[in-house]
Protein backbone atom coordinates (compact mmCIF):
# COMPACT_ATOMS: atom_id res chain seq x y z
CA UNK A 1 23.31 -54.08 8.76
CA UNK A 2 19.60 -54.34 9.63
CA UNK A 3 17.15 -54.53 6.70
CA UNK A 4 13.40 -54.06 7.26
CA UNK A 5 11.21 -55.92 4.74
CA UNK A 6 7.84 -54.20 4.29
CA UNK A 7 4.93 -56.07 2.73
CA UNK A 8 1.15 -55.75 2.60
CA UNK A 9 -1.47 -58.25 1.45
CA UNK A 10 -1.44 -61.96 0.72
CA UNK A 11 0.15 -61.35 -2.67
CA UNK A 12 3.44 -60.34 -1.05
CA UNK A 13 3.40 -62.55 2.05
CA UNK A 14 5.25 -65.49 0.47
CA UNK A 15 7.49 -63.08 -1.44
CA UNK A 16 8.54 -61.51 1.86
CA UNK A 17 9.82 -64.89 3.07
CA UNK A 18 11.59 -65.45 -0.26
CA UNK A 19 13.33 -62.06 -0.04
CA UNK A 20 14.38 -62.74 3.55
CA UNK A 21 15.90 -66.09 2.51
CA UNK A 22 17.58 -64.45 -0.49
CA UNK A 23 19.27 -61.79 1.64
CA UNK A 24 20.26 -64.28 4.32
CA UNK A 25 21.84 -66.50 1.65
CA UNK A 26 23.44 -63.81 -0.54
CA UNK A 27 25.15 -62.20 2.47
CA UNK A 28 25.91 -65.43 4.35
CA UNK A 29 23.84 -64.39 7.35
CA UNK A 30 25.90 -61.25 7.94
CA UNK A 31 22.92 -58.98 7.14
CA UNK A 32 20.04 -59.07 9.61
CA UNK A 33 16.50 -58.96 8.21
CA UNK A 34 13.19 -58.14 9.90
CA UNK A 35 9.95 -59.53 8.44
CA UNK A 36 6.90 -59.04 10.63
CA UNK A 37 5.26 -62.33 9.65
CA UNK A 38 8.41 -64.28 10.56
CA UNK A 39 10.08 -62.29 13.33
CA UNK A 40 7.22 -61.43 15.70
CA UNK A 41 6.68 -64.23 18.19
CA UNK A 42 3.19 -65.38 19.24
CA UNK A 43 1.94 -63.23 22.10
CA UNK A 44 4.40 -60.43 21.39
CA UNK A 45 2.96 -56.92 21.11
CA UNK A 46 2.68 -56.43 17.37
CA UNK A 47 2.98 -52.63 17.14
CA UNK A 48 5.82 -52.50 19.63
CA UNK A 49 7.73 -55.11 17.61
CA UNK A 50 7.11 -53.23 14.36
CA UNK A 51 8.31 -49.95 15.86
CA UNK A 52 11.40 -51.65 17.25
CA UNK A 53 12.15 -53.14 13.84
CA UNK A 54 11.74 -49.75 12.19
CA UNK A 55 13.98 -48.08 14.77
CA UNK A 56 16.77 -50.61 14.27
CA UNK A 57 16.58 -50.67 10.48
CA UNK A 58 19.27 -49.01 8.39
CA UNK A 59 17.51 -49.85 5.13
CA UNK A 60 13.91 -50.63 4.22
CA UNK A 61 12.84 -52.74 1.24
CA UNK A 62 9.20 -52.40 0.17
CA UNK A 63 7.43 -55.12 -1.82
CA UNK A 64 5.10 -53.07 -4.02
CA UNK A 65 2.25 -54.31 -6.19
CA UNK A 66 -0.42 -52.57 -8.21
CA UNK A 67 -3.00 -53.20 -5.49
CA UNK A 68 -0.99 -52.49 -2.32
CA UNK A 69 0.89 -49.32 -3.30
CA UNK A 70 -1.70 -47.22 -1.41
CA UNK A 71 -1.80 -49.55 1.60
CA UNK A 72 -1.76 -47.54 4.86
CA UNK A 73 0.67 -50.02 6.45
CA UNK A 74 3.09 -49.87 3.54
CA UNK A 75 2.99 -46.06 3.45
CA UNK A 76 3.39 -45.82 7.23
CA UNK A 77 6.48 -48.02 7.19
CA UNK A 78 7.91 -46.21 4.16
CA UNK A 79 7.47 -42.86 5.93
CA UNK A 80 9.06 -44.12 9.14
CA UNK A 81 12.05 -45.50 7.25
CA UNK A 82 12.45 -42.43 5.02
CA UNK A 83 12.57 -40.11 8.03
CA UNK A 84 15.67 -41.85 9.40
CA UNK A 85 18.17 -40.39 6.91
CA UNK A 86 18.32 -37.73 4.21
CA UNK A 87 20.34 -40.06 1.96
CA UNK A 88 17.30 -42.24 1.40
CA UNK A 89 16.78 -45.50 3.20
CA UNK A 90 13.81 -46.89 1.25
CA UNK A 91 14.01 -49.10 -1.83
CA UNK A 92 10.73 -50.28 -3.41
CA UNK A 93 10.86 -53.60 -5.29
CA UNK A 94 8.21 -53.44 -8.02
CA UNK A 95 6.40 -56.75 -8.43
CA UNK A 96 3.64 -56.21 -11.00
CA UNK A 97 3.56 -52.45 -11.38
CA UNK A 98 5.52 -50.40 -13.91
CA UNK A 99 7.55 -47.41 -12.83
CA UNK A 100 5.20 -45.10 -14.74
CA UNK A 101 2.23 -46.50 -12.76
CA UNK A 102 3.79 -45.97 -9.35
CA UNK A 103 1.89 -43.34 -7.35
CA UNK A 104 3.31 -40.76 -4.93
CA UNK A 105 4.73 -40.89 -2.35
CA UNK A 106 6.45 -44.19 -3.27
CA UNK A 107 7.35 -42.86 -6.73
CA UNK A 108 9.87 -40.47 -5.13
CA UNK A 109 12.14 -43.37 -4.14
CA UNK A 110 14.56 -44.97 -6.58
CA UNK A 111 13.10 -48.42 -7.17
CA UNK A 112 14.18 -51.76 -8.59
CA UNK A 113 12.31 -54.22 -10.81
CA UNK A 114 11.66 -57.48 -8.97
CA UNK A 115 12.21 -59.74 -11.98
CA UNK A 116 15.38 -57.93 -13.13
CA UNK A 117 18.63 -59.60 -12.11
CA UNK A 118 20.57 -56.38 -12.82
CA UNK A 119 18.24 -54.42 -10.53
CA UNK A 120 18.79 -56.84 -7.66
CA UNK A 121 22.55 -56.75 -8.27
CA UNK A 122 22.42 -52.97 -7.74
CA UNK A 123 20.33 -53.35 -4.58
CA UNK A 124 22.81 -55.86 -3.17
CA UNK A 125 25.74 -53.63 -4.15
CA UNK A 126 24.36 -50.88 -1.93
CA UNK A 127 23.98 -53.26 0.99
CA UNK A 128 27.48 -54.60 0.38
CA UNK A 129 28.94 -51.07 0.36
CA UNK A 130 27.13 -49.95 3.51
CA UNK A 131 27.52 -53.11 5.59
CA UNK A 132 30.63 -53.55 7.71
CA UNK A 133 30.07 -57.26 8.26
CA UNK A 134 29.03 -58.49 4.80
CA UNK A 135 31.17 -61.12 3.03
CA UNK A 136 33.73 -60.14 0.42
CA UNK A 137 32.62 -59.16 -3.06
CA UNK A 138 33.72 -62.44 -4.67
CA UNK A 139 32.00 -64.58 -2.04
CA UNK A 140 28.87 -62.47 -2.31
CA UNK A 141 28.76 -62.84 -6.09
CA UNK A 142 28.88 -66.63 -5.81
CA UNK A 143 26.16 -66.64 -3.13
CA UNK A 144 24.02 -64.23 -5.17
CA UNK A 145 24.02 -66.61 -8.16
CA UNK A 146 22.88 -69.42 -5.89
CA UNK A 147 20.07 -67.40 -4.28
CA UNK A 148 18.76 -65.43 -7.26
CA UNK A 149 16.73 -68.15 -9.10
CA UNK A 150 14.50 -68.84 -6.07
CA UNK A 151 13.77 -65.13 -5.57
CA UNK A 152 13.03 -64.64 -9.27
CA UNK A 153 10.56 -67.54 -9.17
CA UNK A 154 8.87 -66.07 -6.08
CA UNK A 155 8.38 -62.72 -7.83
CA UNK A 156 6.89 -64.49 -10.85
CA UNK A 157 4.49 -66.40 -8.58
CA UNK A 158 3.42 -63.14 -6.96
CA UNK A 159 2.67 -61.70 -10.39
CA UNK A 160 0.61 -64.76 -11.34
CA UNK A 161 -1.22 -64.57 -7.99
CA UNK A 162 -2.41 -61.09 -8.91
CA UNK A 163 -3.73 -62.24 -12.29
CA UNK A 164 -5.58 -65.24 -10.88
CA UNK A 165 -6.86 -63.75 -7.63
CA UNK A 166 -7.65 -60.12 -8.41
CA UNK A 167 -11.28 -59.22 -8.97
CA UNK A 168 -12.42 -56.42 -11.27
CA UNK A 169 -13.12 -53.08 -9.68
CA UNK A 170 -16.76 -52.59 -8.90
CA UNK A 171 -18.82 -49.54 -9.65
CA UNK A 172 -19.06 -47.24 -6.61
CA UNK A 173 -22.81 -46.70 -7.06
CA UNK A 174 -23.34 -50.45 -7.24
CA UNK A 175 -21.49 -50.95 -3.94
CA UNK A 176 -23.45 -48.13 -2.25
CA UNK A 177 -26.72 -49.67 -3.41
CA UNK A 178 -25.64 -53.05 -2.04
CA UNK A 179 -24.81 -51.47 1.32
CA UNK A 180 -28.20 -49.77 1.35
CA UNK A 181 -29.95 -53.06 0.70
CA UNK A 182 -27.96 -54.87 3.37
CA UNK A 183 -28.73 -52.26 6.04
CA UNK A 184 -32.41 -52.20 5.21
CA UNK A 185 -32.54 -55.98 5.20
CA UNK A 186 -31.67 -55.85 8.90
CA UNK A 187 -34.75 -53.72 9.45
CA UNK A 188 -36.85 -56.28 7.60
CA UNK A 189 -35.52 -59.13 9.73
CA UNK A 190 -36.34 -57.33 12.96
CA UNK A 191 -39.89 -56.52 11.85
CA UNK A 192 -42.77 -58.90 12.72
CA UNK A 193 -43.24 -61.55 10.05
CA UNK A 194 -46.82 -60.43 9.52
CA UNK A 195 -45.70 -56.90 8.65
CA UNK A 196 -44.13 -57.75 5.29
CA UNK A 197 -44.43 -60.43 2.67
CA UNK A 198 -40.85 -61.65 2.33
CA UNK A 199 -41.68 -64.35 -0.22
CA UNK A 200 -40.43 -64.46 -3.82
CA UNK A 201 -42.06 -62.12 -6.28
CA UNK A 202 -41.96 -62.62 -10.07
CA UNK A 203 -39.97 -60.12 -12.16
CA UNK A 204 -42.02 -57.11 -13.10
CA UNK A 205 -41.56 -53.61 -14.42
CA UNK A 206 -43.57 -52.51 -11.41
CA UNK A 207 -42.91 -53.19 -7.74
CA UNK A 208 -45.45 -53.55 -4.95
CA UNK A 209 -45.38 -51.70 -1.64
CA UNK A 210 -48.17 -53.39 0.32
CA UNK A 211 -51.21 -52.01 -1.52
CA UNK A 212 -49.81 -50.10 -4.51
CA UNK A 213 -47.37 -50.46 -7.37
CA UNK A 214 -44.46 -48.14 -8.11
CA UNK A 215 -42.98 -47.41 -11.52
CA UNK A 216 -40.74 -44.82 -13.26
CA UNK A 217 -42.47 -41.48 -13.63
CA UNK A 218 -44.60 -41.85 -10.50
CA UNK A 219 -44.78 -38.94 -8.07
CA UNK A 220 -44.52 -39.91 -4.43
CA UNK A 221 -44.68 -38.34 -1.00
CA UNK A 222 -42.08 -39.48 1.55
CA UNK A 223 -42.63 -38.85 5.26
CA UNK A 224 -39.12 -37.44 5.67
CA UNK A 225 -38.01 -36.26 2.21
CA UNK A 226 -41.32 -34.87 0.94
CA UNK A 227 -42.39 -34.75 -2.69
CA UNK A 228 -40.34 -36.59 -5.31
CA UNK A 229 -40.43 -38.23 -8.72
CA UNK A 230 -39.32 -41.79 -9.47
CA UNK A 231 -36.78 -42.04 -12.30
CA UNK A 232 -35.95 -45.75 -12.10
CA UNK A 233 -36.72 -48.91 -10.17
CA UNK A 234 -34.01 -51.56 -9.81
CA UNK A 235 -34.08 -54.96 -8.14
CA UNK A 236 -37.05 -57.20 -7.54
CA UNK A 237 -39.37 -58.19 -4.75
CA UNK A 238 -38.27 -57.18 -1.26
CA UNK A 239 -34.97 -55.84 -2.70
CA UNK A 240 -36.56 -53.38 -5.13
CA UNK A 241 -34.98 -49.94 -4.93
CA UNK A 242 -36.55 -46.74 -6.24
CA UNK A 243 -34.31 -43.98 -7.58
CA UNK A 244 -36.09 -40.79 -6.61
CA UNK A 245 -35.33 -37.09 -7.06
CA UNK A 246 -36.96 -35.13 -4.25
CA UNK A 247 -37.76 -31.42 -4.51
CA UNK A 248 -35.88 -30.52 -1.34
CA UNK A 249 -33.76 -33.54 -0.40
CA UNK A 250 -32.32 -34.18 -3.86
CA UNK A 251 -31.55 -37.63 -5.27
CA UNK A 252 -32.14 -40.64 -3.00
CA UNK A 253 -32.34 -44.43 -3.29
CA UNK A 254 -35.05 -45.96 -1.13
CA UNK A 255 -35.98 -49.55 -0.40
CA UNK A 256 -39.53 -49.64 -1.72
CA UNK A 257 -40.77 -52.48 0.48
CA UNK A 258 -40.39 -50.56 3.74
CA UNK A 259 -40.22 -46.94 2.61
CA UNK A 260 -42.73 -44.60 4.35
CA UNK A 261 -44.19 -43.35 1.06
CA UNK A 262 -47.45 -42.95 -0.77
CA UNK A 263 -48.07 -42.54 -4.47
CA UNK A 264 -49.61 -39.23 -5.44
CA UNK A 265 -52.74 -39.89 -7.49
CA UNK A 266 -51.85 -40.09 -11.17
């Protein structure tokens, strides 16, 4: 029997190796496993090897975490495996995500809990029943008991990896503003040094654009967006950003230092 092990992200890389070793040990090498990180040789065409592994697989095991359950690679491999039979050839192993938290389409597959010995016994029972070359039930049970502790420890390490390595989700508006600043910084770098004062500026409730200051409540005229009113100014110095609602263009964030604007006389 050929088993395809699907993983995505550093959190499940080591766990993939642990699962491969577990299956090799529990079935005495009579069950073949495919793990992309281990079974694709240097120089081999990656996608071709993946497709070959998917084609040969009779069962797919997905290592699913809270952060990778929407991974395009994981979903692609799950879809390819699921299309092979109507009986269902995909088994997700849940690492740090509860069954109630599992999103579609992976939630449609009957899953097992990675830290649950009983769950892994059931997974192995299916492989044992469907494999024509697996060892006898008694031999398998002895080998399972030998292999299980190492796999359980690997799942626990993967769970701890998530707690220690995950970063909190960032606000979307904050990320968009950072992208805006980064892009406009490239413009500043390409401009002649004499065009802008790139030195440090002390914190202030007002920001300076060459010869004038800008503050909330100011009305401005933008060469492209037209008339607008400033609602907020964030950042300092050359990174100051004005939040402006324009009459025709709507809400925009503009980098004050290089924006083609003028303040309408107060």
